[in-house]
Protein backbone atom coordinates (compact mmCIF):
# COMPACT_ATOMS: atom_id res chain seq x y z
CA UNK A 1 -63.01 131.56 -47.42
CA UNK A 2 -66.55 134.07 -48.28
CA UNK A 3 -65.75 137.41 -46.18
CA UNK A 4 -68.69 139.21 -47.51
CA UNK A 5 -72.67 138.56 -48.34
CA UNK A 6 -74.85 140.31 -50.89
CA UNK A 7 -76.40 141.65 -54.04
CA UNK A 8 -74.43 143.26 -56.36
CA UNK A 9 -72.99 145.33 -53.39
CA UNK A 10 -71.78 143.42 -51.42
CA UNK A 11 -71.17 144.35 -48.30
CA UNK A 12 -69.20 143.20 -44.97
CA UNK A 13 -70.65 143.04 -41.80
CA UNK A 14 -69.93 143.56 -38.03
CA UNK A 15 -69.05 139.49 -37.01
CA UNK A 16 -67.25 139.10 -40.71
CA UNK A 17 -65.38 141.98 -39.05
CA UNK A 18 -64.51 141.40 -35.68
CA UNK A 19 -64.31 136.93 -36.75
CA UNK A 20 -61.26 139.11 -38.89
CA UNK A 21 -57.19 137.98 -37.34
CA UNK A 22 -55.15 141.51 -37.95
CA UNK A 23 -51.25 139.95 -37.38
CA UNK A 24 -49.84 142.89 -35.33
CA UNK A 25 -45.67 142.85 -34.79
CA UNK A 26 -44.88 143.21 -30.47
CA UNK A 27 -44.88 146.61 -29.42
CA UNK A 28 -41.68 146.54 -28.90
CA UNK A 29 -41.08 145.63 -32.59
CA UNK A 30 -43.29 148.59 -33.65
CA UNK A 31 -41.54 150.79 -31.67
CA UNK A 32 -37.68 150.11 -33.12
CA UNK A 33 -39.14 149.86 -36.90
CA UNK A 34 -40.99 153.81 -35.97
CA UNK A 35 -37.85 154.49 -34.30
CA UNK A 36 -36.02 153.79 -37.26
CA UNK A 37 -38.38 155.61 -40.05
CA UNK A 38 -37.62 158.57 -38.45
CA UNK A 39 -34.41 158.77 -38.26
CA UNK A 40 -34.24 157.88 -42.08
CA UNK A 41 -37.58 160.77 -42.48
CA UNK A 42 -34.69 162.91 -41.06
CA UNK A 43 -31.71 162.36 -43.34
CA UNK A 44 -34.22 162.57 -46.02
CA UNK A 45 -35.01 165.97 -44.99
CA UNK A 46 -31.87 167.07 -44.69
CA UNK A 47 -30.93 165.95 -47.87
CA UNK A 48 -34.17 167.55 -49.51
CA UNK A 49 -32.53 171.35 -47.81
CA UNK A 50 -29.51 170.00 -49.01
CA UNK A 51 -31.01 170.32 -53.19
CA UNK A 52 -33.38 173.07 -52.52
CA UNK A 53 -29.88 175.11 -51.15
CA UNK A 54 -27.88 174.09 -54.81
CA UNK A 55 -31.07 174.38 -57.02
CA UNK A 56 -31.44 178.00 -55.44
CA UNK A 57 -27.88 178.06 -56.09
CA UNK A 58 -27.81 176.49 -60.48
CA UNK A 59 -30.49 179.57 -60.58
CA UNK A 60 -28.55 181.92 -59.28
CA UNK A 61 -25.38 181.00 -61.52
CA UNK A 62 -27.05 182.67 -64.74
CA UNK A 63 -27.64 186.24 -63.35
CA UNK A 64 -24.22 186.40 -62.57
CA UNK A 65 -22.92 184.63 -65.70
CA UNK A 66 -24.42 187.57 -67.31
CA UNK A 67 -23.19 190.51 -64.96
CA UNK A 68 -19.95 189.23 -65.79
CA UNK A 69 -20.33 189.53 -69.09
CA UNK A 70 -21.63 192.46 -69.03
CA UNK A 71 -19.43 193.76 -66.95
CA UNK A 72 -16.33 192.02 -68.95
CA UNK A 73 -15.02 190.19 -66.19
CA UNK A 74 -14.99 187.28 -69.18
């Protein structure tokens, strides 16, 4: 089915847009998916924070090793 008409640059008319059916899930299903995504995003945020904390610890480690080396603790 051809959905656009025109010359070199086809256009989409309001009529064609109005005639286009876009299937949507029932609101209950949409809300369920949104709730699941919210939970997943919370896990992502928690994981990201943990990784950032680990990266900070890794970045501090060489300085701590050098301090110990200069103190003769290694």
